[in-house]
Amino acid sequence: MKAKKIAISVPADVIDEVDGAAKRRRVTRSAFITDILRRVARAKRDADITKQISDFFSDSEIAAEQSRTARDYRAVSSGIGTEW
């Protein structure tokens, strides 16, 4: 993976904590910070996706359609093999 160098100012006590955490995990400071930044970016993306899904299914017409589909499926389903 191609890397880009950046320069940021971070309080000394935070860097001390980062260095300690990286050392305990036996990774470099750069690897530790990269992992944290990746996790934060994914969490934001995942939170956005979850919100979109929640918004979609909170629509009353969609919820009614889902209920009808589930009811119709139960009416035609034999139930065999769905004991889970």
N, C-alpha and C. Protein backbone atom coordinates (compact mmCIF):
# COMPACT_ATOMS: atom_id res chain seq x y z
N MET A 1 0.85 -1.17 0.00
CA MET A 1 0.00 0.00 0.00
C MET A 1 0.90 1.24 0.00
N LYS A 2 0.59 2.16 -0.87
CA LYS A 2 1.34 3.40 -0.95
C LYS A 2 0.99 4.26 0.27
N ALA A 3 1.99 4.82 0.88
CA ALA A 3 1.79 5.65 2.07
C ALA A 3 2.10 7.11 1.75
N LYS A 4 1.43 8.00 2.46
CA LYS A 4 1.70 9.43 2.37
C LYS A 4 2.13 9.90 3.74
N LYS A 5 3.15 10.70 3.77
CA LYS A 5 3.59 11.29 5.03
C LYS A 5 2.81 12.56 5.27
N ILE A 6 2.43 12.76 6.54
CA ILE A 6 1.74 13.99 6.94
C ILE A 6 2.41 14.51 8.19
N ALA A 7 2.18 15.75 8.48
CA ALA A 7 2.70 16.36 9.71
C ALA A 7 1.51 16.93 10.47
N ILE A 8 1.38 16.52 11.72
CA ILE A 8 0.32 17.06 12.57
C ILE A 8 0.92 17.39 13.93
N SER A 9 0.28 18.30 14.62
CA SER A 9 0.70 18.65 15.99
C SER A 9 -0.23 17.94 16.95
N VAL A 10 0.36 17.21 17.88
CA VAL A 10 -0.40 16.44 18.86
C VAL A 10 0.20 16.73 20.24
N PRO A 11 -0.63 16.95 21.23
CA PRO A 11 -0.10 17.18 22.57
C PRO A 11 0.82 16.04 23.02
N ALA A 12 1.87 16.38 23.74
CA ALA A 12 2.87 15.40 24.16
C ALA A 12 2.26 14.26 24.97
N ASP A 13 1.30 14.57 25.84
CA ASP A 13 0.71 13.50 26.66
C ASP A 13 -0.07 12.50 25.81
N VAL A 14 -0.67 12.98 24.73
CA VAL A 14 -1.40 12.08 23.83
C VAL A 14 -0.42 11.18 23.09
N ILE A 15 0.67 11.75 22.62
CA ILE A 15 1.70 10.95 21.93
C ILE A 15 2.27 9.90 22.88
N ASP A 16 2.46 10.26 24.14
CA ASP A 16 2.95 9.29 25.12
C ASP A 16 1.96 8.12 25.26
N GLU A 17 0.68 8.43 25.29
CA GLU A 17 -0.33 7.37 25.37
C GLU A 17 -0.34 6.52 24.11
N VAL A 18 -0.24 7.16 22.96
CA VAL A 18 -0.20 6.44 21.68
C VAL A 18 1.01 5.52 21.63
N ASP A 19 2.16 6.06 22.00
CA ASP A 19 3.39 5.25 21.98
C ASP A 19 3.28 4.06 22.92
N GLY A 20 2.69 4.27 24.10
CA GLY A 20 2.51 3.17 25.04
C GLY A 20 1.59 2.10 24.49
N ALA A 21 0.48 2.54 23.89
CA ALA A 21 -0.48 1.59 23.31
C ALA A 21 0.15 0.83 22.15
N ALA A 22 0.89 1.53 21.31
CA ALA A 22 1.56 0.88 20.17
C ALA A 22 2.58 -0.14 20.66
N LYS A 23 3.33 0.23 21.68
CA LYS A 23 4.35 -0.67 22.22
C LYS A 23 3.70 -1.94 22.79
N ARG A 24 2.60 -1.77 23.52
CA ARG A 24 1.91 -2.94 24.09
C ARG A 24 1.40 -3.87 22.99
N ARG A 25 1.06 -3.30 21.84
CA ARG A 25 0.57 -4.11 20.71
C ARG A 25 1.70 -4.57 19.79
N ARG A 26 2.91 -4.11 20.12
CA ARG A 26 4.10 -4.46 19.34
C ARG A 26 3.98 -4.02 17.88
N VAL A 27 3.50 -2.78 17.71
CA VAL A 27 3.42 -2.18 16.38
C VAL A 27 4.07 -0.80 16.44
N THR A 28 4.35 -0.25 15.29
CA THR A 28 4.92 1.09 15.24
C THR A 28 3.84 2.13 15.55
N ARG A 29 4.29 3.32 15.88
CA ARG A 29 3.37 4.43 16.08
C ARG A 29 2.53 4.65 14.82
N SER A 30 3.19 4.64 13.66
CA SER A 30 2.47 4.86 12.40
C SER A 30 1.41 3.79 12.17
N ALA A 31 1.76 2.54 12.42
CA ALA A 31 0.80 1.45 12.22
C ALA A 31 -0.38 1.59 13.18
N PHE A 32 -0.10 1.96 14.43
CA PHE A 32 -1.15 2.13 15.42
C PHE A 32 -2.10 3.25 15.02
N ILE A 33 -1.54 4.41 14.67
CA ILE A 33 -2.37 5.56 14.28
C ILE A 33 -3.15 5.25 13.01
N THR A 34 -2.53 4.59 12.05
CA THR A 34 -3.21 4.21 10.81
C THR A 34 -4.42 3.32 11.12
N ASP A 35 -4.24 2.34 12.00
CA ASP A 35 -5.34 1.44 12.37
C ASP A 35 -6.47 2.22 13.02
N ILE A 36 -6.14 3.14 13.92
CA ILE A 36 -7.16 3.93 14.60
C ILE A 36 -7.92 4.81 13.59
N LEU A 37 -7.19 5.47 12.71
CA LEU A 37 -7.85 6.32 11.70
C LEU A 37 -8.76 5.50 10.79
N ARG A 38 -8.30 4.32 10.40
CA ARG A 38 -9.11 3.43 9.56
C ARG A 38 -10.40 3.04 10.29
N ARG A 39 -10.28 2.68 11.56
CA ARG A 39 -11.46 2.29 12.34
C ARG A 39 -12.46 3.43 12.48
N VAL A 40 -11.95 4.63 12.71
CA VAL A 40 -12.84 5.79 12.83
C VAL A 40 -13.56 6.05 11.51
N ALA A 41 -12.82 5.99 10.40
CA ALA A 41 -13.44 6.21 9.09
C ALA A 41 -14.51 5.16 8.80
N ARG A 42 -14.22 3.90 9.12
CA ARG A 42 -15.21 2.83 8.90
C ARG A 42 -16.41 2.99 9.81
N ALA A 43 -16.19 3.36 11.05
CA ALA A 43 -17.30 3.54 11.98
C ALA A 43 -18.24 4.63 11.48
N LYS A 44 -17.68 5.71 10.98
CA LYS A 44 -18.50 6.80 10.43
C LYS A 44 -19.31 6.30 9.25
N ARG A 45 -18.64 5.58 8.35
CA ARG A 45 -19.33 5.03 7.18
C ARG A 45 -20.42 4.05 7.61
N ASP A 46 -20.09 3.16 8.56
CA ASP A 46 -21.06 2.18 9.03
C ASP A 46 -22.24 2.86 9.71
N ALA A 47 -21.98 3.92 10.47
CA ALA A 47 -23.06 4.66 11.13
C ALA A 47 -23.96 5.32 10.09
N ASP A 48 -23.37 5.84 9.03
CA ASP A 48 -24.16 6.45 7.95
C ASP A 48 -25.05 5.41 7.27
N ILE A 49 -24.48 4.24 7.01
CA ILE A 49 -25.25 3.16 6.36
C ILE A 49 -26.39 2.71 7.27
N THR A 50 -26.09 2.53 8.56
CA THR A 50 -27.12 2.11 9.51
C THR A 50 -28.25 3.14 9.57
N LYS A 51 -27.90 4.42 9.55
CA LYS A 51 -28.93 5.47 9.57
C LYS A 51 -29.80 5.40 8.31
N GLN A 52 -29.18 5.19 7.16
CA GLN A 52 -29.94 5.10 5.92
C GLN A 52 -30.91 3.92 5.96
N ILE A 53 -30.44 2.79 6.46
CA ILE A 53 -31.30 1.61 6.55
C ILE A 53 -32.44 1.87 7.54
N SER A 54 -32.12 2.44 8.68
CA SER A 54 -33.15 2.75 9.69
C SER A 54 -34.18 3.72 9.13
N ASP A 55 -33.71 4.74 8.44
CA ASP A 55 -34.62 5.71 7.84
C ASP A 55 -35.52 5.04 6.81
N PHE A 56 -34.95 4.15 6.01
CA PHE A 56 -35.71 3.45 4.98
C PHE A 56 -36.83 2.62 5.61
N PHE A 57 -36.49 1.83 6.64
CA PHE A 57 -37.48 0.95 7.24
C PHE A 57 -38.41 1.67 8.21
N SER A 58 -38.14 2.92 8.54
CA SER A 58 -39.07 3.65 9.40
C SER A 58 -40.20 4.26 8.58
N ASP A 59 -40.09 4.23 7.27
CA ASP A 59 -41.15 4.72 6.39
C ASP A 59 -42.37 3.81 6.57
N SER A 60 -43.52 4.39 6.87
CA SER A 60 -44.72 3.59 7.16
C SER A 60 -45.16 2.73 5.98
N GLU A 61 -45.01 3.22 4.76
CA GLU A 61 -45.39 2.43 3.59
C GLU A 61 -44.47 1.22 3.42
N ILE A 62 -43.18 1.42 3.65
CA ILE A 62 -42.22 0.31 3.55
C ILE A 62 -42.51 -0.71 4.65
N ALA A 63 -42.76 -0.23 5.87
CA ALA A 63 -43.06 -1.14 6.99
C ALA A 63 -44.32 -1.95 6.70
N ALA A 64 -45.34 -1.33 6.15
CA ALA A 64 -46.58 -2.04 5.82
C ALA A 64 -46.32 -3.08 4.73
N GLU A 65 -45.52 -2.72 3.74
CA GLU A 65 -45.19 -3.67 2.68
C GLU A 65 -44.42 -4.86 3.23
N GLN A 66 -43.46 -4.59 4.13
CA GLN A 66 -42.69 -5.68 4.76
C GLN A 66 -43.62 -6.60 5.55
N SER A 67 -44.57 -6.04 6.26
CA SER A 67 -45.53 -6.84 7.03
C SER A 67 -46.39 -7.70 6.12
N ARG A 68 -46.86 -7.13 5.01
CA ARG A 68 -47.67 -7.90 4.06
C ARG A 68 -46.85 -9.03 3.45
N THR A 69 -45.61 -8.74 3.09
CA THR A 69 -44.74 -9.76 2.49
C THR A 69 -44.51 -10.90 3.48
N ALA A 70 -44.24 -10.57 4.73
CA ALA A 70 -44.01 -11.60 5.75
C ALA A 70 -45.28 -12.42 5.96
N ARG A 71 -46.43 -11.77 6.03
CA ARG A 71 -47.70 -12.48 6.21
C ARG A 71 -47.97 -13.41 5.03
N ASP A 72 -47.76 -12.91 3.81
CA ASP A 72 -47.98 -13.73 2.61
C ASP A 72 -47.03 -14.92 2.57
N TYR A 73 -45.79 -14.71 2.97
CA TYR A 73 -44.82 -15.80 2.98
C TYR A 73 -45.24 -16.87 3.98
N ARG A 74 -45.66 -16.44 5.18
CA ARG A 74 -46.11 -17.41 6.19
C ARG A 74 -47.31 -18.20 5.70
N ALA A 75 -48.17 -17.57 4.93
CA ALA A 75 -49.37 -18.24 4.44
C ALA A 75 -49.04 -19.35 3.44
N VAL A 76 -47.98 -19.18 2.66
CA VAL A 76 -47.65 -20.19 1.65
C VAL A 76 -46.52 -21.11 2.07
N SER A 77 -45.86 -20.81 3.17
CA SER A 77 -44.72 -21.59 3.63
C SER A 77 -45.20 -22.82 4.38
N SER A 78 -44.54 -23.96 4.13
CA SER A 78 -44.90 -25.20 4.82
C SER A 78 -44.34 -25.22 6.23
N GLY A 79 -43.31 -24.46 6.48
CA GLY A 79 -42.68 -24.45 7.79
C GLY A 79 -41.62 -25.52 7.93
N ILE A 80 -41.58 -26.47 7.01
CA ILE A 80 -40.60 -27.55 7.07
C ILE A 80 -39.22 -26.97 6.74
N GLY A 81 -38.26 -27.27 7.60
CA GLY A 81 -36.90 -26.80 7.38
C GLY A 81 -36.66 -25.38 7.88
N THR A 82 -37.65 -24.80 8.53
CA THR A 82 -37.47 -23.44 9.06
C THR A 82 -37.62 -23.41 10.57
N GLU A 83 -37.26 -24.50 11.22
CA GLU A 83 -37.42 -24.59 12.66
C GLU A 83 -36.35 -23.81 13.41
N TRP A 84 -35.46 -23.17 12.75
CA TRP A 84 -34.39 -22.45 13.39
C TRP A 84 -34.90 -21.21 13.99
